[in-house]
Amino acid sequence: MDITALIIILAIGGLAGWLAGNIMKGHGFGLVGNIIVGIIGAVLGSFVFGLVGISAYGLMGSIITATLGAVILLSIIGVVKKA
């Protein structure tokens, strides 16, 4: 993996985490936290979409997949925090 790919992954992760924080209203974790949530969300979203049989291609597909995965992750975190 070269530096350009790493920067793209971090940018998509940050954007997805930020979008998920805005969708979930108040569940953001700051810049670094949003990047981490976005990257983990991308993995989670890819897994969930793979189970359903949906494949996302391109930059927009990656952003949508990562954002939906991050929303799922933030929902799980919210449930665990309340318990």
C-alpha atoms as a PDB file:
ATOM      1  CA  MET A   1       0.000   0.000   0.000  1.00  0.00           C
ATOM      2  CA  ASP A   2       1.424   3.346  -0.966  1.00  0.00           C
ATOM      3  CA  ILE A   3       0.938   6.690   0.740  1.00  0.00           C
ATOM      4  CA  THR A   4      -1.756   7.802  -1.714  1.00  0.00           C
ATOM      5  CA  ALA A   5      -3.944   4.795  -0.907  1.00  0.00           C
ATOM      6  CA  LEU A   6      -3.479   5.407   2.808  1.00  0.00           C
ATOM      7  CA  ILE A   7      -4.518   9.049   2.448  1.00  0.00           C
ATOM      8  CA  ILE A   8      -7.608   8.028   0.456  1.00  0.00           C
ATOM      9  CA  ILE A   9      -8.578   5.441   3.086  1.00  0.00           C
ATOM     10  CA  LEU A  10      -8.184   7.994   5.880  1.00  0.00           C
ATOM     11  CA  ALA A  11     -10.154  10.620   3.933  1.00  0.00           C
ATOM     12  CA  ILE A  12     -13.023   8.216   3.206  1.00  0.00           C
ATOM     13  CA  GLY A  13     -12.968   7.021   6.821  1.00  0.00           C
ATOM     14  CA  GLY A  14     -13.041  10.565   8.150  1.00  0.00           C
ATOM     15  CA  LEU A  15     -15.853  11.590   5.821  1.00  0.00           C
ATOM     16  CA  ALA A  16     -17.872   8.461   6.613  1.00  0.00           C
ATOM     17  CA  GLY A  17     -17.380   8.918  10.365  1.00  0.00           C
ATOM     18  CA  TRP A  18     -18.370  12.573  10.153  1.00  0.00           C
ATOM     19  CA  LEU A  19     -21.467  11.760   8.079  1.00  0.00           C
ATOM     20  CA  ALA A  20     -22.452   8.965  10.466  1.00  0.00           C
ATOM     21  CA  GLY A  21     -21.991  11.300  13.459  1.00  0.00           C
ATOM     22  CA  ASN A  22     -24.290  13.832  11.808  1.00  0.00           C
ATOM     23  CA  ILE A  23     -26.863  11.173  10.903  1.00  0.00           C
ATOM     24  CA  MET A  24     -26.851   9.786  14.438  1.00  0.00           C
ATOM     25  CA  LYS A  25     -27.014  13.295  15.996  1.00  0.00           C
ATOM     26  CA  GLY A  26     -24.345  13.801  18.612  1.00  0.00           C
ATOM     27  CA  HIS A  27     -22.549  10.477  18.364  1.00  0.00           C
ATOM     28  CA  GLY A  28     -19.367  11.878  16.799  1.00  0.00           C
ATOM     29  CA  PHE A  29     -15.997  11.263  18.440  1.00  0.00           C
ATOM     30  CA  GLY A  30     -13.884  14.124  17.069  1.00  0.00           C
ATOM     31  CA  LEU A  31     -11.579  13.979  14.059  1.00  0.00           C
ATOM     32  CA  VAL A  32      -9.453  10.968  15.015  1.00  0.00           C
ATOM     33  CA  GLY A  33     -12.423   9.096  16.482  1.00  0.00           C
ATOM     34  CA  ASN A  34     -14.486   9.737  13.354  1.00  0.00           C
ATOM     35  CA  ILE A  35     -11.683   8.394  11.151  1.00  0.00           C
ATOM     36  CA  ILE A  36     -11.468   5.248  13.281  1.00  0.00           C
ATOM     37  CA  VAL A  37     -15.261   4.820  13.309  1.00  0.00           C
ATOM     38  CA  GLY A  38     -15.337   5.379   9.542  1.00  0.00           C
ATOM     39  CA  ILE A  39     -12.618   2.813   8.822  1.00  0.00           C
ATOM     40  CA  ILE A  40     -14.174   0.201  11.112  1.00  0.00           C
ATOM     41  CA  GLY A  41     -17.549   1.118   9.626  1.00  0.00           C
ATOM     42  CA  ALA A  42     -16.195   0.503   6.125  1.00  0.00           C
ATOM     43  CA  VAL A  43     -15.152  -3.001   7.125  1.00  0.00           C
ATOM     44  CA  LEU A  44     -18.493  -3.609   8.852  1.00  0.00           C
ATOM     45  CA  GLY A  45     -20.454  -2.174   5.926  1.00  0.00           C
ATOM     46  CA  SER A  46     -18.547  -4.309   3.421  1.00  0.00           C
ATOM     47  CA  PHE A  47     -19.263  -7.389   5.524  1.00  0.00           C
ATOM     48  CA  VAL A  48     -22.986  -6.602   5.862  1.00  0.00           C
ATOM     49  CA  PHE A  49     -23.359  -5.735   2.160  1.00  0.00           C
ATOM     50  CA  GLY A  50     -21.479  -8.927   1.286  1.00  0.00           C
ATOM     51  CA  LEU A  51     -23.959 -10.991   3.308  1.00  0.00           C
ATOM     52  CA  VAL A  52     -26.846  -9.364   1.476  1.00  0.00           C
ATOM     53  CA  GLY A  53     -25.120  -9.776  -1.888  1.00  0.00           C
ATOM     54  CA  ILE A  54     -24.651  -6.084  -2.707  1.00  0.00           C
ATOM     55  CA  SER A  55     -21.349  -4.814  -4.071  1.00  0.00           C
ATOM     56  CA  ALA A  56     -20.423  -1.132  -4.075  1.00  0.00           C
ATOM     57  CA  TYR A  57     -17.968   0.175  -6.656  1.00  0.00           C
ATOM     58  CA  GLY A  58     -16.112   3.429  -7.002  1.00  0.00           C
ATOM     59  CA  LEU A  59     -15.562   6.334  -4.673  1.00  0.00           C
ATOM     60  CA  MET A  60     -19.252   7.019  -3.979  1.00  0.00           C
ATOM     61  CA  GLY A  61     -19.911   3.337  -3.322  1.00  0.00           C
ATOM     62  CA  SER A  62     -17.045   3.276  -0.847  1.00  0.00           C
ATOM     63  CA  ILE A  63     -18.328   6.373   0.940  1.00  0.00           C
ATOM     64  CA  ILE A  64     -21.889   5.028   1.121  1.00  0.00           C
ATOM     65  CA  THR A  65     -20.718   1.611   2.348  1.00  0.00           C
ATOM     66  CA  ALA A  66     -18.430   3.137   4.976  1.00  0.00           C
ATOM     67  CA  THR A  67     -21.100   5.590   6.138  1.00  0.00           C
ATOM     68  CA  LEU A  68     -23.779   2.927   6.543  1.00  0.00           C
ATOM     69  CA  GLY A  69     -21.312   0.686   8.350  1.00  0.00           C
ATOM     70  CA  ALA A  70     -20.339   3.564  10.632  1.00  0.00           C
ATOM     71  CA  VAL A  71     -24.022   4.265  11.377  1.00  0.00           C
ATOM     72  CA  ILE A  72     -24.457   0.602  12.327  1.00  0.00           C
ATOM     73  CA  LEU A  73     -21.326   0.799  14.492  1.00  0.00           C
ATOM     74  CA  LEU A  74     -22.503   3.978  16.224  1.00  0.00           C
ATOM     75  CA  SER A  75     -25.886   2.355  16.868  1.00  0.00           C
ATOM     76  CA  ILE A  76     -24.167  -0.628  18.476  1.00  0.00           C
ATOM     77  CA  ILE A  77     -21.970   1.686  20.564  1.00  0.00           C
ATOM     78  CA  GLY A  78     -25.058   3.641  21.680  1.00  0.00           C
ATOM     79  CA  VAL A  79     -26.839   0.477  22.800  1.00  0.00           C
ATOM     80  CA  VAL A  80     -23.768  -0.755  24.682  1.00  0.00           C
ATOM     81  CA  LYS A  81     -23.313   2.622  26.411  1.00  0.00           C
ATOM     82  CA  LYS A  82     -26.922   2.611  27.614  1.00  0.00           C
ATOM     83  CA  ALA A  83     -26.610  -0.899  29.029  1.00  0.00           C
END
